[in-house]
PDB file of N, CA and C in Angstrom:
ATOM      1  N   MET A   1      86.173 246.391 183.605  1.00  0.00           N
ATOM      2  CA  MET A   1      85.649 245.732 184.362  1.00  0.00           C
ATOM      3  C   MET A   1      84.752 244.906 183.776  1.00  0.00           C
ATOM      4  N   GLU A   2      83.716 243.489 184.376  1.00  0.00           N
ATOM      5  CA  GLU A   2      83.363 242.736 184.312  1.00  0.00           C
ATOM      6  C   GLU A   2      82.497 242.542 182.701  1.00  0.00           C
ATOM      7  N   THR A   3      83.241 242.076 181.797  1.00  0.00           N
ATOM      8  CA  THR A   3      81.809 241.890 180.731  1.00  0.00           C
ATOM      9  C   THR A   3      80.259 240.737 180.551  1.00  0.00           C
ATOM     10  N   LYS A   4      80.703 239.810 182.146  1.00  0.00           N
ATOM     11  CA  LYS A   4      79.335 238.658 182.503  1.00  0.00           C
ATOM     12  C   LYS A   4      78.620 239.683 182.679  1.00  0.00           C
ATOM     13  N   TYR A   5      77.341 238.635 182.732  1.00  0.00           N
ATOM     14  CA  TYR A   5      75.858 238.573 182.976  1.00  0.00           C
ATOM     15  C   TYR A   5      76.282 239.450 184.753  1.00  0.00           C
ATOM     16  N   ILE A   6      75.721 240.043 185.102  1.00  0.00           N
ATOM     17  CA  ILE A   6      75.824 241.445 186.024  1.00  0.00           C
ATOM     18  C   ILE A   6      74.207 240.925 186.259  1.00  0.00           C
ATOM     19  N   ASN A   7      74.184 240.337 187.352  1.00  0.00           N
ATOM     20  CA  ASN A   7      73.461 240.268 188.431  1.00  0.00           C
ATOM     21  C   ASN A   7      72.443 241.179 189.756  1.00  0.00           C
ATOM     22  N   PRO A   8      71.222 241.827 188.502  1.00  0.00           N
ATOM     23  CA  PRO A   8      70.892 243.560 189.322  1.00  0.00           C
ATOM     24  C   PRO A   8      71.286 243.295 191.101  1.00  0.00           C
ATOM     25  N   ASP A   9      70.831 242.135 191.210  1.00  0.00           N
ATOM     26  CA  ASP A   9      70.787 242.625 193.274  1.00  0.00           C
ATOM     27  C   ASP A   9      72.670 243.321 193.432  1.00  0.00           C
ATOM     28  N   ARG A  10      73.247 242.286 193.082  1.00  0.00           N
ATOM     29  CA  ARG A  10      74.334 242.812 192.854  1.00  0.00           C
ATOM     30  C   ARG A  10      74.946 244.185 193.943  1.00  0.00           C
ATOM     31  N   LEU A  11      74.300 245.178 192.813  1.00  0.00           N
ATOM     32  CA  LEU A  11      74.586 246.228 192.347  1.00  0.00           C
ATOM     33  C   LEU A  11      73.617 246.850 193.906  1.00  0.00           C
ATOM     34  N   THR A  12      72.983 246.764 194.578  1.00  0.00           N
ATOM     35  CA  THR A  12      72.163 247.778 195.073  1.00  0.00           C
ATOM     36  C   THR A  12      72.722 248.128 196.405  1.00  0.00           C
ATOM     37  N   GLY A  13      72.552 249.416 197.256  1.00  0.00           N
ATOM     38  CA  GLY A  13      73.337 249.862 197.132  1.00  0.00           C
ATOM     39  C   GLY A  13      73.680 250.796 197.904  1.00  0.00           C
ATOM     40  N   THR A  14      74.749 251.963 198.343  1.00  0.00           N
ATOM     41  CA  THR A  14      75.374 252.733 198.262  1.00  0.00           C
ATOM     42  C   THR A  14      76.886 253.180 198.323  1.00  0.00           C
ATOM     43  N   TRP A  15      76.744 253.868 197.008  1.00  0.00           N
ATOM     44  CA  TRP A  15      78.162 253.768 196.487  1.00  0.00           C
ATOM     45  C   TRP A  15      79.062 255.739 196.490  1.00  0.00           C
ATOM     46  N   GLU A  16      80.535 255.568 196.905  1.00  0.00           N
ATOM     47  CA  GLU A  16      80.993 256.082 197.015  1.00  0.00           C
ATOM     48  C   GLU A  16      82.125 256.013 196.164  1.00  0.00           C
ATOM     49  N   SER A  17      81.745 257.899 195.716  1.00  0.00           N
ATOM     50  CA  SER A  17      83.351 257.638 194.181  1.00  0.00           C
ATOM     51  C   SER A  17      84.551 257.545 194.736  1.00  0.00           C
ATOM     52  N   ILE A  18      85.315 256.692 192.980  1.00  0.00           N
ATOM     53  CA  ILE A  18      87.303 256.737 193.909  1.00  0.00           C
ATOM     54  C   ILE A  18      87.129 258.794 193.548  1.00  0.00           C
ATOM     55  N   ASN A  19      86.574 258.899 193.150  1.00  0.00           N
ATOM     56  CA  ASN A  19      87.156 259.895 191.431  1.00  0.00           C
ATOM     57  C   ASN A  19      85.823 261.886 192.199  1.00  0.00           C
ATOM     58  N   LEU A  20      85.754 261.529 193.279  1.00  0.00           N
ATOM     59  CA  LEU A  20      85.762 262.544 193.492  1.00  0.00           C
ATOM     60  C   LEU A  20      84.112 262.725 193.183  1.00  0.00           C
ATOM     61  N   THR A  21      83.087 262.256 192.593  1.00  0.00           N
ATOM     62  CA  THR A  21      82.232 262.165 191.579  1.00  0.00           C
ATOM     63  C   THR A  21      81.895 262.326 192.844  1.00  0.00           C
ATOM     64  N   PRO A  22      79.601 262.701 192.593  1.00  0.00           N
ATOM     65  CA  PRO A  22      78.405 262.075 193.288  1.00  0.00           C
ATOM     66  C   PRO A  22      78.264 260.721 194.380  1.00  0.00           C
ATOM     67  N   THR A  23      77.781 260.650 195.113  1.00  0.00           N
ATOM     68  CA  THR A  23      77.170 259.094 195.908  1.00  0.00           C
ATOM     69  C   THR A  23      76.158 258.803 194.650  1.00  0.00           C
ATOM     70  N   VAL A  24      75.850 257.569 194.726  1.00  0.00           N
ATOM     71  CA  VAL A  24      75.544 256.897 194.032  1.00  0.00           C
ATOM     72  C   VAL A  24      74.217 255.897 194.810  1.00  0.00           C
ATOM     73  N   ILE A  25      73.393 256.289 194.644  1.00  0.00           N
ATOM     74  CA  ILE A  25      73.025 254.289 195.265  1.00  0.00           C
ATOM     75  C   ILE A  25      72.145 253.911 194.420  1.00  0.00           C
ATOM     76  N   ILE A  26      71.795 252.699 194.273  1.00  0.00           N
ATOM     77  CA  ILE A  26      71.596 251.560 193.151  1.00  0.00           C
ATOM     78  C   ILE A  26      69.956 251.092 194.146  1.00  0.00           C
ATOM     79  N   TYR A  27      68.799 250.782 194.174  1.00  0.00           N
ATOM     80  CA  TYR A  27      68.037 250.084 194.887  1.00  0.00           C
ATOM     81  C   TYR A  27      66.892 249.564 193.591  1.00  0.00           C
ATOM     82  N   ARG A  28      65.601 249.224 194.197  1.00  0.00           N
ATOM     83  CA  ARG A  28      64.742 248.400 193.558  1.00  0.00           C
ATOM     84  C   ARG A  28      63.846 248.873 194.187  1.00  0.00           C
ATOM     85  N   ASP A  29      62.848 248.247 192.870  1.00  0.00           N
ATOM     86  CA  ASP A  29      61.099 249.826 193.127  1.00  0.00           C
ATOM     87  C   ASP A  29      60.732 248.300 192.276  1.00  0.00           C
ATOM     88  N   GLY A  30      60.116 247.356 193.091  1.00  0.00           N
ATOM     89  CA  GLY A  30      59.048 246.240 192.604  1.00  0.00           C
ATOM     90  C   GLY A  30      59.919 245.445 191.799  1.00  0.00           C
ATOM     91  N   GLU A  31      59.840 246.049 190.335  1.00  0.00           N
ATOM     92  CA  GLU A  31      60.870 245.018 189.637  1.00  0.00           C
ATOM     93  C   GLU A  31      61.257 245.569 188.603  1.00  0.00           C
ATOM     94  N   ILE A  32      62.026 246.906 189.084  1.00  0.00           N
ATOM     95  CA  ILE A  32      62.499 248.043 188.407  1.00  0.00           C
ATOM     96  C   ILE A  32      64.014 248.005 188.613  1.00  0.00           C
ATOM     97  N   TYR A  33      65.279 248.688 188.609  1.00  0.00           N
ATOM     98  CA  TYR A  33      66.202 249.176 189.686  1.00  0.00           C
ATOM     99  C   TYR A  33      65.935 250.194 189.242  1.00  0.00           C
ATOM    100  N   LEU A  34      66.556 251.251 189.936  1.00  0.00           N
ATOM    101  CA  LEU A  34      67.025 252.886 190.149  1.00  0.00           C
ATOM    102  C   LEU A  34      68.078 252.820 190.278  1.00  0.00           C
ATOM    103  N   LEU A  35      68.949 254.230 189.613  1.00  0.00           N
ATOM    104  CA  LEU A  35      69.805 254.957 190.381  1.00  0.00           C
ATOM    105  C   LEU A  35      69.796 255.833 190.882  1.00  0.00           C
ATOM    106  N   SER A  36      69.903 256.507 191.736  1.00  0.00           N
ATOM    107  CA  SER A  36      70.038 257.687 192.205  1.00  0.00           C
ATOM    108  C   SER A  36      71.344 258.675 192.547  1.00  0.00           C
ATOM    109  N   ILE A  37      72.004 259.304 191.863  1.00  0.00           N
ATOM    110  CA  ILE A  37      72.951 259.973 191.246  1.00  0.00           C
ATOM    111  C   ILE A  37      72.638 261.266 192.594  1.00  0.00           C
ATOM    112  N   ILE A  38      72.893 261.671 193.608  1.00  0.00           N
ATOM    113  CA  ILE A  38      73.420 262.736 194.871  1.00  0.00           C
ATOM    114  C   ILE A  38      74.283 263.666 194.688  1.00  0.00           C
ATOM    115  N   HIS A  39      73.930 264.609 193.796  1.00  0.00           N
ATOM    116  CA  HIS A  39      74.381 266.501 193.812  1.00  0.00           C
ATOM    117  C   HIS A  39      74.436 267.138 195.697  1.00  0.00           C
ATOM    118  N   ILE A  40      74.864 267.449 196.010  1.00  0.00           N
ATOM    119  CA  ILE A  40      75.570 267.566 196.836  1.00  0.00           C
ATOM    120  C   ILE A  40      75.626 270.066 196.471  1.00  0.00           C
ATOM    121  N   ASN A  41      75.334 270.755 197.247  1.00  0.00           N
ATOM    122  CA  ASN A  41      75.405 272.081 196.950  1.00  0.00           C
ATOM    123  C   ASN A  41      76.351 272.280 198.033  1.00  0.00           C
ATOM    124  N   GLU A  42      77.510 272.599 197.453  1.00  0.00           N
ATOM    125  CA  GLU A  42      78.224 273.593 198.107  1.00  0.00           C
ATOM    126  C   GLU A  42      78.264 274.579 199.027  1.00  0.00           C
ATOM    127  N   THR A  43      77.109 275.071 198.651  1.00  0.00           N
ATOM    128  CA  THR A  43      76.991 276.474 199.382  1.00  0.00           C
ATOM    129  C   THR A  43      76.245 275.963 200.496  1.00  0.00           C
ATOM    130  N   SER A  44      74.329 276.101 199.995  1.00  0.00           N
ATOM    131  CA  SER A  44      74.163 275.109 200.672  1.00  0.00           C
ATOM    132  C   SER A  44      73.905 273.945 201.506  1.00  0.00           C
ATOM    133  N   LYS A  45      74.739 273.332 201.138  1.00  0.00           N
ATOM    134  CA  LYS A  45      75.269 272.417 201.378  1.00  0.00           C
ATOM    135  C   LYS A  45      73.788 270.621 201.322  1.00  0.00           C
ATOM    136  N   GLN A  46      72.856 271.468 200.543  1.00  0.00           N
ATOM    137  CA  GLN A  46      71.630 270.575 200.203  1.00  0.00           C
ATOM    138  C   GLN A  46      72.052 269.315 199.380  1.00  0.00           C
ATOM    139  N   ALA A  47      71.314 268.541 199.306  1.00  0.00           N
ATOM    140  CA  ALA A  47      71.125 267.414 198.725  1.00  0.00           C
ATOM    141  C   ALA A  47      69.998 267.487 198.033  1.00  0.00           C
ATOM    142  N   SER A  48      70.559 267.025 196.657  1.00  0.00           N
ATOM    143  CA  SER A  48      69.913 266.967 195.334  1.00  0.00           C
ATOM    144  C   SER A  48      70.425 265.520 194.753  1.00  0.00           C
ATOM    145  N   PRO A  49      68.901 264.886 194.898  1.00  0.00           N
ATOM    146  CA  PRO A  49      69.237 263.717 194.015  1.00  0.00           C
ATOM    147  C   PRO A  49      68.370 263.470 192.564  1.00  0.00           C
ATOM    148  N   ALA A  50      68.980 262.590 191.632  1.00  0.00           N
ATOM    149  CA  ALA A  50      68.529 262.727 190.634  1.00  0.00           C
ATOM    150  C   ALA A  50      68.260 261.190 190.157  1.00  0.00           C
ATOM    151  N   THR A  51      66.906 260.548 189.711  1.00  0.00           N
ATOM    152  CA  THR A  51      66.804 259.009 189.593  1.00  0.00           C
ATOM    153  C   THR A  51      66.817 259.155 188.539  1.00  0.00           C
ATOM    154  N   TYR A  52      67.510 257.570 187.804  1.00  0.00           N
ATOM    155  CA  TYR A  52      67.166 257.249 186.115  1.00  0.00           C
ATOM    156  C   TYR A  52      66.959 255.835 186.345  1.00  0.00           C
ATOM    157  N   GLU A  53      66.140 255.322 186.052  1.00  0.00           N
ATOM    158  CA  GLU A  53      66.034 253.833 185.897  1.00  0.00           C
ATOM    159  C   GLU A  53      67.039 253.322 185.186  1.00  0.00           C
ATOM    160  N   ILE A  54      67.143 252.414 185.438  1.00  0.00           N
ATOM    161  CA  ILE A  54      68.473 250.991 185.036  1.00  0.00           C
ATOM    162  C   ILE A  54      67.842 250.033 183.902  1.00  0.00           C
ATOM    163  N   GLN A  55      68.487 250.109 182.332  1.00  0.00           N
ATOM    164  CA  GLN A  55      67.731 249.761 181.652  1.00  0.00           C
ATOM    165  C   GLN A  55      68.989 248.276 181.355  1.00  0.00           C
ATOM    166  N   GLU A  56      68.760 247.516 179.721  1.00  0.00           N
ATOM    167  CA  GLU A  56      70.092 246.343 180.088  1.00  0.00           C
ATOM    168  C   GLU A  56      69.481 245.888 178.783  1.00  0.00           C
ATOM    169  N   ASP A  57      70.304 245.937 177.675  1.00  0.00           N
ATOM    170  CA  ASP A  57      70.724 245.695 176.457  1.00  0.00           C
ATOM    171  C   ASP A  57      71.297 244.653 175.568  1.00  0.00           C
ATOM    172  N   GLU A  58      72.100 245.047 174.645  1.00  0.00           N
ATOM    173  CA  GLU A  58      72.693 243.719 174.652  1.00  0.00           C
ATOM    174  C   GLU A  58      73.922 244.110 174.952  1.00  0.00           C
ATOM    175  N   GLU A  59      74.245 245.237 175.228  1.00  0.00           N
ATOM    176  CA  GLU A  59      76.040 246.201 175.347  1.00  0.00           C
ATOM    177  C   GLU A  59      75.903 244.926 176.927  1.00  0.00           C
ATOM    178  N   GLY A  60      74.725 245.814 177.929  1.00  0.00           N
ATOM    179  CA  GLY A  60      74.665 245.604 179.448  1.00  0.00           C
ATOM    180  C   GLY A  60      73.828 246.900 180.350  1.00  0.00           C
ATOM    181  N   PHE A  61      73.904 247.354 180.757  1.00  0.00           N
ATOM    182  CA  PHE A  61      73.355 247.701 182.192  1.00  0.00           C
ATOM    183  C   PHE A  61      73.728 249.470 181.596  1.00  0.00           C
ATOM    184  N   PHE A  62      72.798 250.310 181.749  1.00  0.00           N
ATOM    185  CA  PHE A  62      72.692 251.504 181.522  1.00  0.00           C
ATOM    186  C   PHE A  62      72.682 252.535 182.159  1.00  0.00           C
ATOM    187  N   ILE A  63      72.387 253.810 181.949  1.00  0.00           N
ATOM    188  CA  ILE A  63      71.397 255.048 181.848  1.00  0.00           C
ATOM    189  C   ILE A  63      71.314 256.219 181.270  1.00  0.00           C
ATOM    190  N   ASN A  64      70.136 256.459 181.007  1.00  0.00           N
ATOM    191  CA  ASN A  64      69.953 257.679 179.777  1.00  0.00           C
ATOM    192  C   ASN A  64      70.404 258.999 181.029  1.00  0.00           C
ATOM    193  N   TYR A  65      71.855 259.268 181.115  1.00  0.00           N
ATOM    194  CA  TYR A  65      71.856 260.825 181.786  1.00  0.00           C
ATOM    195  C   TYR A  65      72.427 262.003 181.291  1.00  0.00           C
ATOM    196  N   ASN A  66      71.699 262.857 181.246  1.00  0.00           N
ATOM    197  CA  ASN A  66      71.880 264.235 180.766  1.00  0.00           C
ATOM    198  C   ASN A  66      72.358 263.740 179.030  1.00  0.00           C
ATOM    199  N   LEU A  67      71.096 263.520 177.996  1.00  0.00           N
ATOM    200  CA  LEU A  67      71.499 262.731 177.137  1.00  0.00           C
ATOM    201  C   LEU A  67      72.206 262.114 176.613  1.00  0.00           C
ATOM    202  N   ARG A  68      72.218 261.207 177.062  1.00  0.00           N
ATOM    203  CA  ARG A  68      73.777 260.833 176.783  1.00  0.00           C
ATOM    204  C   ARG A  68      74.089 259.158 177.322  1.00  0.00           C
ATOM    205  N   ARG A  69      74.270 258.184 177.034  1.00  0.00           N
ATOM    206  CA  ARG A  69      74.161 256.630 177.475  1.00  0.00           C
ATOM    207  C   ARG A  69      75.593 256.068 178.047  1.00  0.00           C
ATOM    208  N   MET A  70      75.029 256.002 179.054  1.00  0.00           N
ATOM    209  CA  MET A  70      76.006 256.083 180.763  1.00  0.00           C
ATOM    210  C   MET A  70      75.706 254.386 181.206  1.00  0.00           C
ATOM    211  N   ALA A  71      76.852 253.111 181.060  1.00  0.00           N
ATOM    212  CA  ALA A  71      77.280 252.434 181.281  1.00  0.00           C
ATOM    213  C   ALA A  71      77.213 252.158 182.550  1.00  0.00           C
ATOM    214  N   ILE A  72      77.223 250.816 182.228  1.00  0.00           N
ATOM    215  CA  ILE A  72      77.229 250.402 183.898  1.00  0.00           C
ATOM    216  C   ILE A  72      78.065 249.125 184.301  1.00  0.00           C
ATOM    217  N   GLY A  73      78.844 249.250 184.566  1.00  0.00           N
ATOM    218  CA  GLY A  73      80.018 248.135 184.653  1.00  0.00           C
ATOM    219  C   GLY A  73      80.231 247.790 186.331  1.00  0.00           C
ATOM    220  N   TYR A  74      80.589 246.700 186.680  1.00  0.00           N
ATOM    221  CA  TYR A  74      80.316 246.230 188.251  1.00  0.00           C
ATOM    222  C   TYR A  74      81.962 244.929 187.698  1.00  0.00           C
ATOM    223  N   ASP A  75      82.633 245.344 189.351  1.00  0.00           N
ATOM    224  CA  ASP A  75      83.427 244.360 189.231  1.00  0.00           C
ATOM    225  C   ASP A  75      83.582 243.106 190.465  1.00  0.00           C
ATOM    226  N   ALA A  76      83.108 241.812 189.686  1.00  0.00           N
ATOM    227  CA  ALA A  76      82.119 240.902 191.152  1.00  0.00           C
ATOM    228  C   ALA A  76      83.677 241.077 192.405  1.00  0.00           C
ATOM    229  N   LYS A  77      85.142 240.907 191.959  1.00  0.00           N
ATOM    230  CA  LYS A  77      86.244 240.303 192.982  1.00  0.00           C
ATOM    231  C   LYS A  77      86.347 241.601 193.619  1.00  0.00           C
ATOM    232  N   LEU A  78      86.193 242.361 193.217  1.00  0.00           N
ATOM    233  CA  LEU A  78      86.710 243.555 193.533  1.00  0.00           C
ATOM    234  C   LEU A  78      85.577 244.625 194.526  1.00  0.00           C
ATOM    235  N   ASP A  79      84.372 244.524 194.074  1.00  0.00           N
ATOM    236  CA  ASP A  79      83.611 245.015 194.138  1.00  0.00           C
ATOM    237  C   ASP A  79      83.030 246.307 194.017  1.00  0.00           C
ATOM    238  N   ILE A  80      83.692 246.964 192.445  1.00  0.00           N
ATOM    239  CA  ILE A  80      83.850 247.989 192.155  1.00  0.00           C
ATOM    240  C   ILE A  80      82.570 248.471 191.238  1.00  0.00           C
ATOM    241  N   LEU A  81      82.233 249.487 190.918  1.00  0.00           N
ATOM    242  CA  LEU A  81      81.062 249.698 190.243  1.00  0.00           C
ATOM    243  C   LEU A  81      81.753 250.448 189.527  1.00  0.00           C
ATOM    244  N   ASN A  82      81.398 250.712 188.281  1.00  0.00           N
ATOM    245  CA  ASN A  82      81.794 251.336 187.140  1.00  0.00           C
ATOM    246  C   ASN A  82      80.525 252.083 186.518  1.00  0.00           C
ATOM    247  N   LEU A  83      80.969 253.544 186.267  1.00  0.00           N
ATOM    248  CA  LEU A  83      79.923 254.236 185.751  1.00  0.00           C
ATOM    249  C   LEU A  83      80.931 254.769 184.409  1.00  0.00           C
ATOM    250  N   SER A  84      80.533 255.394 183.657  1.00  0.00           N
ATOM    251  CA  SER A  84      81.153 255.420 182.294  1.00  0.00           C
ATOM    252  C   SER A  84      82.175 256.680 181.950  1.00  0.00           C
ATOM    253  N   LEU A  85      80.585 257.378 182.826  1.00  0.00           N
ATOM    254  CA  LEU A  85      81.055 258.794 182.513  1.00  0.00           C
ATOM    255  C   LEU A  85      82.019 259.546 183.901  1.00  0.00           C
ATOM    256  N   LEU A  86      81.367 258.649 185.593  1.00  0.00           N
ATOM    257  CA  LEU A  86      81.618 259.018 186.343  1.00  0.00           C
ATOM    258  C   LEU A  86      83.377 258.542 186.897  1.00  0.00           C
ATOM    259  N   GLY A  87      82.788 257.379 186.346  1.00  0.00           N
ATOM    260  CA  GLY A  87      84.389 257.001 187.245  1.00  0.00           C
ATOM    261  C   GLY A  87      83.732 255.696 187.910  1.00  0.00           C
ATOM    262  N   ASP A  88      85.545 255.170 188.651  1.00  0.00           N
ATOM    263  CA  ASP A  88      85.112 253.863 189.606  1.00  0.00           C
ATOM    264  C   ASP A  88      83.933 254.380 191.037  1.00  0.00           C
ATOM    265  N   TYR A  89      83.466 253.640 191.427  1.00  0.00           N
ATOM    266  CA  TYR A  89      82.906 253.482 193.048  1.00  0.00           C
ATOM    267  C   TYR A  89      83.373 252.589 193.769  1.00  0.00           C
ATOM    268  N   ILE A  90      83.103 252.790 195.438  1.00  0.00           N
ATOM    269  CA  ILE A  90      83.754 251.321 195.571  1.00  0.00           C
ATOM    270  C   ILE A  90      81.921 251.549 197.366  1.00  0.00           C
ATOM    271  N   ARG A  91      81.634 250.333 197.670  1.00  0.00           N
ATOM    272  CA  ARG A  91      80.715 250.175 198.305  1.00  0.00           C
ATOM    273  C   ARG A  91      80.166 250.954 199.536  1.00  0.00           C
ATOM    274  N   ASN A  92      79.714 251.740 200.252  1.00  0.00           N
ATOM    275  CA  ASN A  92      80.004 252.194 200.940  1.00  0.00           C
ATOM    276  C   ASN A  92      78.976 251.078 203.067  1.00  0.00           C
TER     277      ASN A  92
END
């Protein structure tokens, strides 16, 4: 994945997993960017979102997910989002 500066506006939108992991939505709320992971209960078919603030440090963008750091990568040429713990996503 691209390691250069990522404009967070390029990440906004709905992302579908290539690896059948939960759908992800990235959006802006004022000055912060949020990432929501949409879990679907297979029995009840109810959606259950979990929302995390996207943070940035010298290593790039990330969220704290289940007490672990999940790095966020983006390939601008292919328009593919990578979440280190969940895999690759394509824009929906």
